[in-house]
Amino acid sequence: MFKNRKHGVFTVSSDVAVVSSIVSERKRDCLTIASALETVFQQMKVSGNRQRTIESYRYIFDQFVGVNQLQYVEDITIDSLYHYLD
């Protein structure tokens, strides 16, 4: 029905720049969740937390990251927390 439309609110001109490379360049400088968690778990170990406690936290965070398909710390939002709890 709309195959031949070349105008309207969804029209995209051919001179549109793709910004996905900019986003991926910026992400390379971000701290990964895996790296951040290793630091946290190491601090927990040094502080005297039991291994079982650390493993429980690791399990929960792995579930959270998996459900939300997160990779970087800055990707964690209140929405991702609520999505996990849902």
C-alpha atoms as a PDB file:
ATOM      1  CA  MET A   1       0.000   0.000   0.000  1.00  0.00           C
ATOM      2  CA  PHE A   2       2.773   2.508   0.932  1.00  0.00           C
ATOM      3  CA  LYS A   3       5.575   1.007  -1.172  1.00  0.00           C
ATOM      4  CA  ASN A   4       5.721   3.864  -3.652  1.00  0.00           C
ATOM      5  CA  ARG A   5       5.463   6.767  -1.218  1.00  0.00           C
ATOM      6  CA  LYS A   6       8.505   9.023  -1.431  1.00  0.00           C
ATOM      7  CA  HIS A   7       7.290  11.747   0.913  1.00  0.00           C
ATOM      8  CA  GLY A   8       5.885  12.099   4.387  1.00  0.00           C
ATOM      9  CA  VAL A   9       7.160  11.971   7.941  1.00  0.00           C
ATOM     10  CA  PHE A  10       9.116   8.739   7.430  1.00  0.00           C
ATOM     11  CA  THR A  11      11.047   9.872   4.365  1.00  0.00           C
ATOM     12  CA  VAL A  12      14.814   9.653   4.791  1.00  0.00           C
ATOM     13  CA  SER A  13      17.124  11.534   2.474  1.00  0.00           C
ATOM     14  CA  SER A  14      20.150   9.788   0.987  1.00  0.00           C
ATOM     15  CA  ASP A  15      22.625  12.085   2.778  1.00  0.00           C
ATOM     16  CA  VAL A  16      21.932  10.723   6.264  1.00  0.00           C
ATOM     17  CA  ALA A  17      25.052  10.004   8.334  1.00  0.00           C
ATOM     18  CA  VAL A  18      25.305   6.786  10.313  1.00  0.00           C
ATOM     19  CA  VAL A  19      26.267   7.369  13.947  1.00  0.00           C
ATOM     20  CA  SER A  20      26.633   3.782  15.117  1.00  0.00           C
ATOM     21  CA  SER A  21      30.428   3.961  14.724  1.00  0.00           C
ATOM     22  CA  ILE A  22      30.538   6.970  17.044  1.00  0.00           C
ATOM     23  CA  VAL A  23      28.576   5.055  19.675  1.00  0.00           C
ATOM     24  CA  SER A  24      30.841   2.010  19.383  1.00  0.00           C
ATOM     25  CA  GLU A  25      33.968   4.194  19.661  1.00  0.00           C
ATOM     26  CA  ARG A  26      32.596   5.776  22.811  1.00  0.00           C
ATOM     27  CA  LYS A  27      31.738   2.359  24.273  1.00  0.00           C
ATOM     28  CA  ARG A  28      35.342   1.166  23.943  1.00  0.00           C
ATOM     29  CA  ASP A  29      36.319   3.642  26.670  1.00  0.00           C
ATOM     30  CA  CYS A  30      33.555   2.484  29.032  1.00  0.00           C
ATOM     31  CA  LEU A  31      33.986   0.096  31.927  1.00  0.00           C
ATOM     32  CA  THR A  32      32.502  -3.319  31.246  1.00  0.00           C
ATOM     33  CA  ILE A  33      30.200  -4.856  33.809  1.00  0.00           C
ATOM     34  CA  ALA A  34      32.400  -7.959  33.987  1.00  0.00           C
ATOM     35  CA  SER A  35      35.455  -5.880  34.851  1.00  0.00           C
ATOM     36  CA  ALA A  36      33.579  -3.820  37.431  1.00  0.00           C
ATOM     37  CA  LEU A  37      32.151  -6.938  39.073  1.00  0.00           C
ATOM     38  CA  GLU A  38      35.556  -8.567  39.339  1.00  0.00           C
ATOM     39  CA  THR A  39      36.793  -5.479  41.191  1.00  0.00           C
ATOM     40  CA  VAL A  40      33.785  -5.548  43.524  1.00  0.00           C
ATOM     41  CA  PHE A  41      34.124  -9.270  44.207  1.00  0.00           C
ATOM     42  CA  GLN A  42      37.843  -8.904  44.885  1.00  0.00           C
ATOM     43  CA  GLN A  43      37.078  -6.126  47.387  1.00  0.00           C
ATOM     44  CA  MET A  44      34.438  -8.332  49.014  1.00  0.00           C
ATOM     45  CA  LYS A  45      36.988 -11.147  49.326  1.00  0.00           C
ATOM     46  CA  VAL A  46      39.587  -8.833  50.890  1.00  0.00           C
ATOM     47  CA  SER A  47      36.947  -7.506  53.280  1.00  0.00           C
ATOM     48  CA  GLY A  48      36.342 -11.002  54.588  1.00  0.00           C
ATOM     49  CA  ASN A  49      33.089 -11.967  52.875  1.00  0.00           C
ATOM     50  CA  ARG A  50      32.562 -15.702  52.613  1.00  0.00           C
ATOM     51  CA  GLN A  51      33.010 -17.344  49.204  1.00  0.00           C
ATOM     52  CA  ARG A  52      29.386 -18.510  49.271  1.00  0.00           C
ATOM     53  CA  THR A  53      28.203 -14.908  49.719  1.00  0.00           C
ATOM     54  CA  ILE A  54      30.330 -13.751  46.795  1.00  0.00           C
ATOM     55  CA  GLU A  55      29.011 -16.603  44.631  1.00  0.00           C
ATOM     56  CA  SER A  56      25.434 -15.620  45.497  1.00  0.00           C
ATOM     57  CA  TYR A  57      26.083 -12.033  44.441  1.00  0.00           C
ATOM     58  CA  ARG A  58      27.789 -13.259  41.257  1.00  0.00           C
ATOM     59  CA  TYR A  59      24.780 -15.440  40.404  1.00  0.00           C
ATOM     60  CA  ILE A  60      22.316 -12.580  40.911  1.00  0.00           C
ATOM     61  CA  PHE A  61      24.373 -10.113  38.876  1.00  0.00           C
ATOM     62  CA  ASP A  62      24.864 -12.660  36.082  1.00  0.00           C
ATOM     63  CA  GLN A  63      21.090 -13.104  35.940  1.00  0.00           C
ATOM     64  CA  PHE A  64      20.528  -9.324  35.912  1.00  0.00           C
ATOM     65  CA  VAL A  65      23.055  -8.758  33.133  1.00  0.00           C
ATOM     66  CA  GLY A  66      21.719 -11.680  31.100  1.00  0.00           C
ATOM     67  CA  VAL A  67      18.068 -10.687  31.350  1.00  0.00           C
ATOM     68  CA  ASN A  68      18.843  -7.121  30.297  1.00  0.00           C
ATOM     69  CA  GLN A  69      21.614  -8.038  27.824  1.00  0.00           C
ATOM     70  CA  LEU A  70      23.931  -5.424  29.308  1.00  0.00           C
ATOM     71  CA  GLN A  71      27.634  -5.038  28.620  1.00  0.00           C
ATOM     72  CA  TYR A  72      28.729  -1.711  30.081  1.00  0.00           C
ATOM     73  CA  VAL A  73      28.225  -0.179  33.524  1.00  0.00           C
ATOM     74  CA  GLU A  74      26.750   2.970  32.018  1.00  0.00           C
ATOM     75  CA  ASP A  75      24.018   0.854  30.395  1.00  0.00           C
ATOM     76  CA  ILE A  76      22.533   0.077  33.815  1.00  0.00           C
ATOM     77  CA  THR A  77      19.445   2.204  34.334  1.00  0.00           C
ATOM     78  CA  ILE A  78      16.482   2.251  36.665  1.00  0.00           C
ATOM     79  CA  ASP A  79      14.473   0.764  33.798  1.00  0.00           C
ATOM     80  CA  SER A  80      16.864  -2.190  33.553  1.00  0.00           C
ATOM     81  CA  LEU A  81      16.512  -2.754  37.298  1.00  0.00           C
ATOM     82  CA  TYR A  82      12.726  -2.740  37.096  1.00  0.00           C
ATOM     83  CA  HIS A  83      12.819  -4.988  34.030  1.00  0.00           C
ATOM     84  CA  TYR A  84      14.896  -7.519  35.967  1.00  0.00           C
ATOM     85  CA  LEU A  85      12.629  -7.368  39.014  1.00  0.00           C
ATOM     86  CA  ASP A  86       9.585  -7.800  36.798  1.00  0.00           C
END
